[in-house]
Protein backbone atom coordinates (compact mmCIF):
# COMPACT_ATOMS: atom_id res chain seq x y z
CA MET A 1 17.58 45.69 -39.04
CA SER A 2 15.44 43.68 -41.58
CA TYR A 3 16.15 43.35 -44.97
CA GLN A 4 12.90 44.48 -45.24
CA ASP A 5 13.89 47.41 -42.90
CA TYR A 6 16.90 48.02 -44.72
CA LEU A 7 14.72 48.32 -48.11
CA GLU A 8 12.57 51.01 -46.19
CA SER A 9 15.83 53.33 -44.99
CA ARG A 10 17.00 56.46 -45.85
CA GLY A 11 20.42 54.61 -46.15
CA TRP A 12 19.19 52.48 -48.61
CA LYS A 13 17.39 54.74 -50.67
CA LEU A 14 20.01 57.19 -51.15
CA LEU A 15 22.33 54.45 -52.27
CA ARG A 16 19.86 53.03 -54.29
CA LEU A 17 19.58 57.15 -55.87
CA ALA A 18 23.28 56.95 -56.15
CA ALA A 19 23.22 53.72 -58.30
CA ILE A 20 20.26 55.28 -60.79
CA ILE A 21 22.28 58.78 -61.02
CA ARG A 22 25.58 56.84 -61.78
CA ASP A 23 23.70 54.66 -64.66
CA ARG A 24 22.43 58.06 -65.97
CA TYR A 25 18.52 56.73 -65.42
CA LYS A 26 18.87 53.89 -67.08
CA CYS A 27 19.07 49.62 -67.07
CA ARG A 28 22.41 48.69 -67.70
CA CYS A 29 21.71 45.84 -69.90
CA CYS A 30 19.20 47.17 -72.37
CA ASN A 31 19.18 50.72 -71.64
CA ARG A 32 15.27 51.37 -70.95
CA GLN A 33 14.61 53.95 -68.73
CA ASN A 34 11.36 53.20 -67.12
CA TYR A 35 10.68 50.75 -64.52
CA LEU A 36 14.06 51.10 -63.06
CA GLN A 37 15.05 48.78 -59.89
CA VAL A 38 18.48 48.26 -58.16
CA HIS A 39 19.65 45.15 -58.12
CA HIS A 40 22.44 44.28 -55.51
CA LEU A 41 25.56 41.70 -56.73
CA ARG A 42 25.91 40.52 -53.50
CA TYR A 43 24.03 40.79 -50.90
CA PRO A 44 25.95 41.91 -47.89
CA ALA A 45 25.92 39.84 -44.65
CA ASN A 46 26.40 43.26 -42.56
CA LEU A 47 23.69 46.00 -44.23
CA GLY A 48 25.60 48.93 -42.95
CA ASP A 49 28.39 48.09 -45.45
CA ASP A 50 26.32 48.21 -48.45
CA SER A 51 27.80 50.47 -51.14
CA VAL A 52 27.20 52.21 -54.58
CA ASP A 53 29.93 49.57 -56.24
CA ASN A 54 27.21 46.64 -55.06
CA LEU A 55 24.19 48.00 -57.02
CA VAL A 56 23.30 47.56 -60.62
CA THR A 57 20.37 49.46 -62.01
CA MET A 58 17.88 47.54 -64.04
CA CYS A 59 14.78 47.68 -65.72
CA ALA A 60 12.15 45.16 -63.97
CA LYS A 61 12.00 42.76 -67.16
CA HIS A 62 16.08 42.21 -66.29
CA HIS A 63 16.14 42.47 -62.68
CA MET A 64 13.26 39.73 -62.33
CA ALA A 65 15.23 37.43 -65.46
CA ARG A 66 18.12 37.99 -62.89
CA HIS A 67 16.39 36.33 -60.15
CA GLY A 68 14.84 33.28 -61.96
CA ILE A 69 11.33 35.42 -62.86
CA ASP A 70 9.65 34.78 -65.81
CA PRO A 71 8.98 38.78 -66.28
CA HIS A 72 5.80 38.05 -69.00
CA ALA A 73 4.42 36.40 -66.01
CA VAL A 74 4.01 39.59 -63.83
CA HIS A 75 2.32 43.27 -64.37
CA ILE A 76 4.72 46.28 -64.18
CA SER A 77 3.04 49.53 -63.33
CA ILE A 78 5.44 51.53 -61.89
CA PRO A 79 7.36 54.16 -63.72
CA ILE A 80 11.03 54.68 -61.87
CA GLN A 81 8.56 58.78 -61.50
CA ALA A 82 6.25 57.47 -59.87
CA VAL A 83 8.91 55.48 -57.29
CA MET A 84 10.94 58.60 -56.60
CA ASN A 85 7.79 61.01 -56.00
CA LYS A 86 7.16 58.19 -53.27
CA LEU A 87 10.81 57.82 -51.89
CA PHE A 88 11.16 61.39 -51.85
CA GLY A 89 7.43 63.15 -52.32
CA ARG A 90 8.82 65.55 -54.93
CA THR A 91 9.73 65.04 -58.18
CA ALA A 92 13.42 63.59 -58.33
CA ILE A 93 14.54 63.37 -61.86
């Protein structure tokens, strides 16, 4: 399975949601509650071996910075509610 296929899988969506819930719908860097993303602390060699302990919730700004991307150079326009609706087809928060 490719990494992109993994990110589209139900297993990833459930792990991602578990991390966001564990982190109380907040960025662990700044407590922002909008534009949340989930960052892998370590990319698993076998994608099926991923766990919520390997994930951290970050706002898009901090996630991009973690990957060395200037967050001011990118326009962010997808709030977490829109992402959750797309993933689960209903209001999840």
